[in-house]
Amino acid sequence: MELRDKAIIVTGSTTGIGRAIARRCVAEGANVLIHGRNEKAARELEAELAPHAMVHIDDLADPEAPGRIVAAAQRGFGKLDCIVNNAAFIVRGDIRTTDAALFDRLMATNVRAPLLLIQAGLDLLAASKGCVLNIGSINAYCGEAAMLPYSVSKGALMTLSRNLGDALHLEYGVRVNHFNVGWVLTENEHRYKIEDGLPEDWPSRLPHEVNPSGTLISPETIATAAVFWLSDASRPISSSVVELEQWPLIGRNLPKSVE
């Protein structure tokens, strides 16, 4: 068990990637604080993972939420070894439709909340020589036109990870690493694409150049990778940004038939 007796906060863990990470952490011996806004889904996962999980319901758009989340983990586990900043507000928006309120909500949830959560947990993480794993997106590098504010927020999160991965490791012994995940088939992603007008079976219709393996990345694949970065096996690496996609983001050479 790679995470035996570790106390881990996983934000946004009632669905998708976060839920898969919470499950895998418990399977590897950890105790997990399940966080989200859907209490029914959180309680169902808590029952599944009992006695190694507890629930805290909170909205990360509230700047006081990170402190409450860390306090709940400390009460429940008596320590804190790892934070997984997975929760994200995902919404469509382009240069014409992104107003100040939408932009501010995205930045509050996707960037400010991870920063404040690390800040709130820093003393506990320093005591355990713990680590942080931030879950970002390949949209950080540019993003789709229709996902402008989301992409900007993920670019900011990547910079936060690199900055704190250096600063906190040097001063406190706390490691910070980052995933930029590609196209992951979660239940929410399946629904978003249907709302965008794709058919129910859209995952099976994707062109080979965007889905070379024939199967989109699963949340469980991301969770498997997360175990290494949360475990002591990845020590002393910090400030790394790891791309988890089926193809290279830079320097890709497509066959002539699909250019």
C-alpha atoms as a PDB file:
ATOM      1  CA  MET A   1       0.000   0.000   0.000  1.00  0.00           C
ATOM      2  CA  GLU A   2       1.685   3.182  -1.241  1.00  0.00           C
ATOM      3  CA  LEU A   3      -0.354   5.614   0.872  1.00  0.00           C
ATOM      4  CA  ARG A   4      -0.706   3.704   4.132  1.00  0.00           C
ATOM      5  CA  ASP A   5      -2.018   5.909   6.988  1.00  0.00           C
ATOM      6  CA  LYS A   6      -1.782   9.138   5.002  1.00  0.00           C
ATOM      7  CA  ALA A   7      -4.514  11.762   5.535  1.00  0.00           C
ATOM      8  CA  ILE A   8      -5.564  13.249   2.210  1.00  0.00           C
ATOM      9  CA  ILE A   9      -7.999  15.981   1.182  1.00  0.00           C
ATOM     10  CA  VAL A  10      -9.456  15.498  -2.305  1.00  0.00           C
ATOM     11  CA  THR A  11     -11.582  18.418  -3.442  1.00  0.00           C
ATOM     12  CA  GLY A  12     -14.365  17.788  -5.923  1.00  0.00           C
ATOM     13  CA  SER A  13     -14.357  14.102  -5.037  1.00  0.00           C
ATOM     14  CA  THR A  14     -18.054  13.282  -5.415  1.00  0.00           C
ATOM     15  CA  THR A  15     -17.710  12.647  -9.144  1.00  0.00           C
ATOM     16  CA  GLY A  16     -15.292  12.018 -12.010  1.00  0.00           C
ATOM     17  CA  ILE A  17     -11.532  12.254 -11.514  1.00  0.00           C
ATOM     18  CA  GLY A  18     -11.812  13.315  -7.874  1.00  0.00           C
ATOM     19  CA  ARG A  19     -13.991  10.363  -6.970  1.00  0.00           C
ATOM     20  CA  ALA A  20     -11.611   7.967  -8.722  1.00  0.00           C
ATOM     21  CA  ILE A  21      -8.660   9.486  -6.833  1.00  0.00           C
ATOM     22  CA  ALA A  22     -10.484   9.195  -3.499  1.00  0.00           C
ATOM     23  CA  ARG A  23     -11.256   5.531  -4.150  1.00  0.00           C
ATOM     24  CA  ARG A  24      -7.707   4.732  -5.196  1.00  0.00           C
ATOM     25  CA  CYS A  25      -6.204   6.565  -2.211  1.00  0.00           C
ATOM     26  CA  VAL A  26      -8.306   4.492   0.191  1.00  0.00           C
ATOM     27  CA  ALA A  27      -7.362   1.330  -1.695  1.00  0.00           C
ATOM     28  CA  GLU A  28      -3.722   2.303  -1.140  1.00  0.00           C
ATOM     29  CA  GLY A  29      -4.230   2.671   2.629  1.00  0.00           C
ATOM     30  CA  ALA A  30      -5.098   6.363   3.051  1.00  0.00           C
ATOM     31  CA  ASN A  31      -7.839   8.146   4.944  1.00  0.00           C
ATOM     32  CA  VAL A  32      -9.635  10.634   2.704  1.00  0.00           C
ATOM     33  CA  LEU A  33     -11.708  13.741   3.240  1.00  0.00           C
ATOM     34  CA  ILE A  34     -14.377  13.708   0.539  1.00  0.00           C
ATOM     35  CA  HIS A  35     -15.301  17.237  -0.529  1.00  0.00           C
ATOM     36  CA  GLY A  36     -17.999  18.522  -2.815  1.00  0.00           C
ATOM     37  CA  ARG A  37     -21.354  20.287  -2.935  1.00  0.00           C
ATOM     38  CA  ASN A  38     -23.564  17.243  -3.577  1.00  0.00           C
ATOM     39  CA  GLU A  39     -24.140  15.772  -0.130  1.00  0.00           C
ATOM     40  CA  LYS A  40     -26.069  12.736  -1.379  1.00  0.00           C
ATOM     41  CA  ALA A  41     -23.217  11.692  -3.679  1.00  0.00           C
ATOM     42  CA  ALA A  42     -20.660  12.431  -0.955  1.00  0.00           C
ATOM     43  CA  ARG A  43     -22.462  10.287   1.609  1.00  0.00           C
ATOM     44  CA  GLU A  44     -22.770   7.409  -0.844  1.00  0.00           C
ATOM     45  CA  LEU A  45     -19.017   7.484  -1.469  1.00  0.00           C
ATOM     46  CA  GLU A  46     -18.331   7.809   2.251  1.00  0.00           C
ATOM     47  CA  ALA A  47     -20.374   4.659   2.896  1.00  0.00           C
ATOM     48  CA  GLU A  48     -18.490   2.838   0.141  1.00  0.00           C
ATOM     49  CA  LEU A  49     -15.101   3.822   1.566  1.00  0.00           C
ATOM     50  CA  ALA A  50     -15.952   3.470   5.271  1.00  0.00           C
ATOM     51  CA  PRO A  51     -14.263   3.596   7.707  1.00  0.00           C
ATOM     52  CA  HIS A  52     -11.499   5.406   5.819  1.00  0.00           C
ATOM     53  CA  ALA A  53     -13.420   8.444   4.591  1.00  0.00           C
ATOM     54  CA  MET A  54     -15.250  11.447   5.963  1.00  0.00           C
ATOM     55  CA  VAL A  55     -17.318  14.149   4.238  1.00  0.00           C
ATOM     56  CA  HIS A  56     -17.132  17.914   4.217  1.00  0.00           C
ATOM     57  CA  ILE A  57     -19.638  19.831   2.075  1.00  0.00           C
ATOM     58  CA  ASP A  58     -18.564  23.332   1.068  1.00  0.00           C
ATOM     59  CA  ASP A  59     -18.483  25.793  -1.837  1.00  0.00           C
ATOM     60  CA  LEU A  60     -14.943  26.717  -2.844  1.00  0.00           C
ATOM     61  CA  ALA A  61     -16.168  30.051  -4.222  1.00  0.00           C
ATOM     62  CA  ASP A  62     -16.431  31.105  -0.562  1.00  0.00           C
ATOM     63  CA  PRO A  63     -12.972  32.338   0.527  1.00  0.00           C
ATOM     64  CA  GLU A  64     -13.597  30.927   4.022  1.00  0.00           C
ATOM     65  CA  ALA A  65     -14.186  27.389   2.692  1.00  0.00           C
ATOM     66  CA  PRO A  66     -10.517  26.303   2.506  1.00  0.00           C
ATOM     67  CA  GLY A  67      -9.989  26.986   6.201  1.00  0.00           C
ATOM     68  CA  ARG A  68     -13.085  24.986   7.091  1.00  0.00           C
ATOM     69  CA  ILE A  69     -11.970  22.066   4.907  1.00  0.00           C
ATOM     70  CA  VAL A  70      -8.520  21.886   6.508  1.00  0.00           C
ATOM     71  CA  ALA A  71     -10.016  22.201   9.990  1.00  0.00           C
ATOM     72  CA  ALA A  72     -12.378  19.306   9.246  1.00  0.00           C
ATOM     73  CA  ALA A  73      -9.487  17.110   8.094  1.00  0.00           C
ATOM     74  CA  GLN A  74      -7.460  17.964  11.189  1.00  0.00           C
ATOM     75  CA  ARG A  75     -10.390  17.127  13.473  1.00  0.00           C
ATOM     76  CA  GLY A  76     -11.091  13.879  11.686  1.00  0.00           C
ATOM     77  CA  PHE A  77      -7.579  12.590  11.080  1.00  0.00           C
ATOM     78  CA  GLY A  78      -5.372  14.519  13.497  1.00  0.00           C
ATOM     79  CA  LYS A  79      -2.946  15.425  10.707  1.00  0.00           C
ATOM     80  CA  LEU A  80      -2.702  16.240   7.007  1.00  0.00           C
ATOM     81  CA  ASP A  81      -0.309  14.607   4.543  1.00  0.00           C
ATOM     82  CA  CYS A  82      -1.634  15.547   1.118  1.00  0.00           C
ATOM     83  CA  ILE A  83      -4.009  17.912  -0.652  1.00  0.00           C
ATOM     84  CA  VAL A  84      -5.418  17.113  -4.091  1.00  0.00           C
ATOM     85  CA  ASN A  85      -6.834  20.278  -5.631  1.00  0.00           C
ATOM     86  CA  ASN A  86      -9.133  18.628  -8.133  1.00  0.00           C
ATOM     87  CA  ALA A  87     -12.380  20.628  -7.923  1.00  0.00           C
ATOM     88  CA  ALA A  88     -13.033  22.968 -10.832  1.00  0.00           C
ATOM     89  CA  PHE A  89     -15.821  25.125 -12.192  1.00  0.00           C
ATOM     90  CA  ILE A  90     -16.158  24.080 -15.844  1.00  0.00           C
ATOM     91  CA  VAL A  91     -18.266  26.332 -18.030  1.00  0.00           C
ATOM     92  CA  ARG A  92     -18.349  27.516 -21.618  1.00  0.00           C
ATOM     93  CA  GLY A  93     -17.425  31.123 -22.381  1.00  0.00           C
ATOM     94  CA  ASP A  94     -15.747  33.037 -25.201  1.00  0.00           C
ATOM     95  CA  ILE A  95     -14.550  36.622 -25.669  1.00  0.00           C
ATOM     96  CA  ARG A  96     -18.129  37.888 -26.146  1.00  0.00           C
ATOM     97  CA  THR A  97     -19.914  35.866 -23.467  1.00  0.00           C
ATOM     98  CA  THR A  98     -17.384  36.059 -20.628  1.00  0.00           C
ATOM     99  CA  ASP A  99     -18.469  38.829 -18.283  1.00  0.00           C
ATOM    100  CA  ALA A 100     -16.808  39.930 -15.048  1.00  0.00           C
ATOM    101  CA  ALA A 101     -19.030  37.795 -12.834  1.00  0.00           C
ATOM    102  CA  LEU A 102     -18.308  34.603 -14.794  1.00  0.00           C
ATOM    103  CA  PHE A 103     -14.578  35.281 -14.924  1.00  0.00           C
ATOM    104  CA  ASP A 104     -14.407  36.066 -11.210  1.00  0.00           C
ATOM    105  CA  ARG A 105     -16.332  32.896 -10.278  1.00  0.00           C
ATOM    106  CA  LEU A 106     -13.979  30.745 -12.343  1.00  0.00           C
ATOM    107  CA  MET A 107     -10.862  32.317 -10.889  1.00  0.00           C
ATOM    108  CA  ALA A 108     -12.239  32.084  -7.354  1.00  0.00           C
ATOM    109  CA  THR A 109     -12.974  28.363  -7.629  1.00  0.00           C
ATOM    110  CA  ASN A 110     -10.195  27.216  -9.931  1.00  0.00           C
ATOM    111  CA  VAL A 111      -7.258  29.341  -8.724  1.00  0.00           C
ATOM    112  CA  ARG A 112      -7.958  31.236  -5.505  1.00  0.00           C
ATOM    113  CA  ALA A 113      -9.408  28.218  -3.698  1.00  0.00           C
ATOM    114  CA  PRO A 114      -6.375  25.959  -4.343  1.00  0.00           C
ATOM    115  CA  LEU A 115      -4.059  28.755  -3.193  1.00  0.00           C
ATOM    116  CA  LEU A 116      -6.069  29.346  -0.016  1.00  0.00           C
ATOM    117  CA  LEU A 117      -6.375  25.632   0.678  1.00  0.00           C
ATOM    118  CA  ILE A 118      -2.602  25.186   0.495  1.00  0.00           C
ATOM    119  CA  GLN A 119      -2.191  28.278   2.673  1.00  0.00           C
ATOM    120  CA  ALA A 120      -4.647  26.941   5.260  1.00  0.00           C
ATOM    121  CA  GLY A 121      -2.984  23.533   5.329  1.00  0.00           C
ATOM    122  CA  LEU A 122       0.631  24.669   5.131  1.00  0.00           C
ATOM    123  CA  ASP A 123       1.580  24.202   8.775  1.00  0.00           C
ATOM    124  CA  LEU A 124       0.095  20.690   8.845  1.00  0.00           C
ATOM    125  CA  LEU A 125       1.757  19.793   5.538  1.00  0.00           C
ATOM    126  CA  ALA A 126       5.075  21.138   6.816  1.00  0.00           C
ATOM    127  CA  ALA A 127       4.784  19.009   9.937  1.00  0.00           C
ATOM    128  CA  SER A 128       4.220  15.852   7.877  1.00  0.00           C
ATOM    129  CA  LYS A 129       6.597  16.862   5.053  1.00  0.00           C
ATOM    130  CA  GLY A 130       3.551  16.367   2.879  1.00  0.00           C
ATOM    131  CA  CYS A 131       2.651  17.241  -0.672  1.00  0.00           C
ATOM    132  CA  VAL A 132       0.100  18.852  -2.964  1.00  0.00           C
ATOM    133  CA  LEU A 133      -1.161  17.590  -6.317  1.00  0.00           C
ATOM    134  CA  ASN A 134      -3.014  20.124  -8.443  1.00  0.00           C
ATOM    135  CA  ILE A 135      -5.242  18.765 -11.206  1.00  0.00           C
ATOM    136  CA  GLY A 136      -5.093  21.058 -14.208  1.00  0.00           C
ATOM    137  CA  SER A 137      -5.836  20.739 -17.899  1.00  0.00           C
ATOM    138  CA  ILE A 138      -4.031  20.866 -21.221  1.00  0.00           C
ATOM    139  CA  ASN A 139      -6.288  23.873 -21.846  1.00  0.00           C
ATOM    140  CA  ALA A 140      -3.730  25.757 -19.715  1.00  0.00           C
ATOM    141  CA  TYR A 141      -1.548  26.100 -22.798  1.00  0.00           C
ATOM    142  CA  CYS A 142      -4.149  27.805 -24.973  1.00  0.00           C
ATOM    143  CA  GLY A 143      -7.569  26.200 -24.756  1.00  0.00           C
ATOM    144  CA  GLU A 144     -10.590  26.184 -26.972  1.00  0.00           C
ATOM    145  CA  ALA A 145     -12.178  29.462 -28.093  1.00  0.00           C
ATOM    146  CA  ALA A 146     -15.391  28.494 -26.308  1.00  0.00           C
ATOM    147  CA  MET A 147     -13.554  27.818 -23.035  1.00  0.00           C
ATOM    148  CA  LEU A 148     -11.661  31.090 -22.633  1.00  0.00           C
ATOM    149  CA  PRO A 149     -12.110  31.789 -18.878  1.00  0.00           C
ATOM    150  CA  TYR A 150     -11.656  28.129 -17.933  1.00  0.00           C
ATOM    151  CA  SER A 151      -8.429  27.973 -19.942  1.00  0.00           C
ATOM    152  CA  VAL A 152      -7.101  31.159 -18.349  1.00  0.00           C
ATOM    153  CA  SER A 153      -7.825  29.751 -14.894  1.00  0.00           C
ATOM    154  CA  LYS A 154      -5.949  26.537 -15.668  1.00  0.00           C
ATOM    155  CA  GLY A 155      -2.970  28.523 -16.950  1.00  0.00           C
ATOM    156  CA  ALA A 156      -2.932  30.402 -13.666  1.00  0.00           C
ATOM    157  CA  LEU A 157      -3.165  27.155 -11.679  1.00  0.00           C
ATOM    158  CA  MET A 158      -0.151  25.780 -13.542  1.00  0.00           C
ATOM    159  CA  THR A 159       1.880  28.867 -12.628  1.00  0.00           C
ATOM    160  CA  LEU A 160       0.736  28.525  -9.010  1.00  0.00           C
ATOM    161  CA  SER A 161       1.973  24.930  -8.979  1.00  0.00           C
ATOM    162  CA  ARG A 162       5.393  25.771 -10.380  1.00  0.00           C
ATOM    163  CA  ASN A 163       5.814  28.747  -8.058  1.00  0.00           C
ATOM    164  CA  LEU A 164       4.797  26.956  -4.861  1.00  0.00           C
ATOM    165  CA  GLY A 165       6.524  23.750  -5.903  1.00  0.00           C
ATOM    166  CA  ASP A 166       9.777  25.670  -5.657  1.00  0.00           C
ATOM    167  CA  ALA A 167       9.029  28.039  -2.774  1.00  0.00           C
ATOM    168  CA  LEU A 168       7.355  25.579  -0.409  1.00  0.00           C
ATOM    169  CA  HIS A 169       9.778  22.741  -1.040  1.00  0.00           C
ATOM    170  CA  LEU A 170      12.711  25.015  -0.316  1.00  0.00           C
ATOM    171  CA  GLU A 171      11.317  26.579   2.868  1.00  0.00           C
ATOM    172  CA  TYR A 172       8.981  23.931   4.320  1.00  0.00           C
ATOM    173  CA  GLY A 173       9.825  20.617   2.669  1.00  0.00           C
ATOM    174  CA  VAL A 174       6.335  20.547   1.090  1.00  0.00           C
ATOM    175  CA  ARG A 175       6.252  19.288  -2.482  1.00  0.00           C
ATOM    176  CA  VAL A 176       3.781  20.620  -5.079  1.00  0.00           C
ATOM    177  CA  ASN A 177       3.252  18.895  -8.425  1.00  0.00           C
ATOM    178  CA  HIS A 178       0.695  19.300 -11.179  1.00  0.00           C
ATOM    179  CA  PHE A 179      -1.203  17.260 -13.779  1.00  0.00           C
ATOM    180  CA  ASN A 180      -2.369  18.779 -17.048  1.00  0.00           C
ATOM    181  CA  VAL A 181      -4.923  16.178 -18.056  1.00  0.00           C
ATOM    182  CA  GLY A 182      -6.222  15.708 -21.553  1.00  0.00           C
ATOM    183  CA  TRP A 183      -9.584  14.419 -22.698  1.00  0.00           C
ATOM    184  CA  VAL A 184     -10.985  12.324 -19.851  1.00  0.00           C
ATOM    185  CA  LEU A 185     -14.307  10.530 -20.194  1.00  0.00           C
ATOM    186  CA  THR A 186     -16.157  11.425 -17.006  1.00  0.00           C
ATOM    187  CA  GLU A 187     -19.913  11.385 -16.619  1.00  0.00           C
ATOM    188  CA  ASN A 188     -19.903  15.180 -16.667  1.00  0.00           C
ATOM    189  CA  GLU A 189     -17.827  15.323 -19.855  1.00  0.00           C
ATOM    190  CA  HIS A 190     -20.231  12.888 -21.501  1.00  0.00           C
ATOM    191  CA  ARG A 191     -23.137  15.169 -20.550  1.00  0.00           C
ATOM    192  CA  TYR A 192     -21.387  18.379 -21.626  1.00  0.00           C
ATOM    193  CA  LYS A 193     -20.786  17.045 -25.127  1.00  0.00           C
ATOM    194  CA  ILE A 194     -24.399  15.951 -25.485  1.00  0.00           C
ATOM    195  CA  GLU A 195     -25.437  19.462 -24.428  1.00  0.00           C
ATOM    196  CA  ASP A 196     -23.071  20.744 -27.149  1.00  0.00           C
ATOM    197  CA  GLY A 197     -25.094  18.755 -29.682  1.00  0.00           C
ATOM    198  CA  LEU A 198     -23.167  15.492 -30.025  1.00  0.00           C
ATOM    199  CA  PRO A 199     -25.054  12.162 -30.103  1.00  0.00           C
ATOM    200  CA  GLU A 200     -25.311   9.866 -27.076  1.00  0.00           C
ATOM    201  CA  ASP A 201     -22.636   7.546 -28.482  1.00  0.00           C
ATOM    202  CA  TRP A 202     -20.157  10.340 -29.313  1.00  0.00           C
ATOM    203  CA  PRO A 203     -17.169   8.671 -27.553  1.00  0.00           C
ATOM    204  CA  SER A 204     -17.270   5.840 -30.109  1.00  0.00           C
ATOM    205  CA  ARG A 205     -17.364   8.284 -33.039  1.00  0.00           C
ATOM    206  CA  LEU A 206     -14.219  10.269 -32.302  1.00  0.00           C
ATOM    207  CA  PRO A 207     -11.640  10.539 -35.122  1.00  0.00           C
ATOM    208  CA  HIS A 208      -8.459   8.534 -34.709  1.00  0.00           C
ATOM    209  CA  GLU A 209      -6.212  11.603 -34.580  1.00  0.00           C
ATOM    210  CA  VAL A 210      -7.769  12.819 -31.316  1.00  0.00           C
ATOM    211  CA  ASN A 211      -8.310   9.344 -29.850  1.00  0.00           C
ATOM    212  CA  PRO A 212      -5.428   7.147 -31.087  1.00  0.00           C
ATOM    213  CA  SER A 213      -6.066   4.310 -28.641  1.00  0.00           C
ATOM    214  CA  GLY A 214      -9.753   4.125 -29.502  1.00  0.00           C
ATOM    215  CA  THR A 215     -10.659   4.770 -25.859  1.00  0.00           C
ATOM    216  CA  LEU A 216     -10.640   8.101 -24.077  1.00  0.00           C
ATOM    217  CA  ILE A 217      -8.648   8.414 -20.840  1.00  0.00           C
ATOM    218  CA  SER A 218     -10.549   7.125 -17.822  1.00  0.00           C
ATOM    219  CA  PRO A 219     -10.694   8.805 -14.404  1.00  0.00           C
ATOM    220  CA  GLU A 220      -9.145   5.635 -13.004  1.00  0.00           C
ATOM    221  CA  THR A 221      -6.066   6.121 -15.177  1.00  0.00           C
ATOM    222  CA  ILE A 222      -5.552   9.589 -13.695  1.00  0.00           C
ATOM    223  CA  ALA A 223      -6.073   8.160 -10.207  1.00  0.00           C
ATOM    224  CA  THR A 224      -3.433   5.500 -10.774  1.00  0.00           C
ATOM    225  CA  ALA A 225      -0.940   8.174 -11.784  1.00  0.00           C
ATOM    226  CA  ALA A 226      -1.904  10.289  -8.771  1.00  0.00           C
ATOM    227  CA  VAL A 227      -0.839   7.568  -6.329  1.00  0.00           C
ATOM    228  CA  PHE A 228       2.811   7.885  -7.339  1.00  0.00           C
ATOM    229  CA  TRP A 229       2.852  11.668  -6.958  1.00  0.00           C
ATOM    230  CA  LEU A 230       1.101  11.532  -3.565  1.00  0.00           C
ATOM    231  CA  SER A 231       3.372   8.783  -2.261  1.00  0.00           C
ATOM    232  CA  ASP A 232       6.856   9.004  -0.822  1.00  0.00           C
ATOM    233  CA  ALA A 233       8.074   7.166  -3.926  1.00  0.00           C
ATOM    234  CA  SER A 234       8.028  10.478  -5.820  1.00  0.00           C
ATOM    235  CA  ARG A 235      10.114  12.272  -3.197  1.00  0.00           C
ATOM    236  CA  PRO A 236      12.008  14.619  -3.641  1.00  0.00           C
ATOM    237  CA  ILE A 237      10.454  15.740  -6.952  1.00  0.00           C
ATOM    238  CA  SER A 238       8.589  19.062  -6.793  1.00  0.00           C
ATOM    239  CA  SER A 239       7.309  21.762  -9.175  1.00  0.00           C
ATOM    240  CA  SER A 240       6.775  19.254 -11.997  1.00  0.00           C
ATOM    241  CA  VAL A 241       3.992  19.644 -14.547  1.00  0.00           C
ATOM    242  CA  VAL A 242       2.999  16.311 -16.080  1.00  0.00           C
ATOM    243  CA  GLU A 243       0.891  16.103 -19.224  1.00  0.00           C
ATOM    244  CA  LEU A 244      -1.504  13.150 -19.296  1.00  0.00           C
ATOM    245  CA  GLU A 245      -2.789  12.959 -22.842  1.00  0.00           C
ATOM    246  CA  GLN A 246      -2.706  10.434 -25.705  1.00  0.00           C
ATOM    247  CA  TRP A 247      -0.544  12.612 -27.917  1.00  0.00           C
ATOM    248  CA  PRO A 248       2.196  15.265 -27.543  1.00  0.00           C
ATOM    249  CA  LEU A 249       1.099  18.860 -27.144  1.00  0.00           C
ATOM    250  CA  ILE A 250       4.232  20.150 -28.887  1.00  0.00           C
ATOM    251  CA  GLY A 251       5.821  18.871 -32.085  1.00  0.00           C
ATOM    252  CA  ARG A 252       3.113  16.423 -33.112  1.00  0.00           C
ATOM    253  CA  ASN A 253       3.502  14.905 -36.581  1.00  0.00           C
ATOM    254  CA  LEU A 254       0.182  13.673 -37.899  1.00  0.00           C
ATOM    255  CA  PRO A 255       0.095  11.277 -40.858  1.00  0.00           C
ATOM    256  CA  LYS A 256      -0.584  13.032 -44.148  1.00  0.00           C
ATOM    257  CA  SER A 257      -3.985  11.356 -44.304  1.00  0.00           C
ATOM    258  CA  VAL A 258      -5.265  13.283 -41.303  1.00  0.00           C
ATOM    259  CA  GLU A 259      -3.535  16.657 -41.706  1.00  0.00           C
END
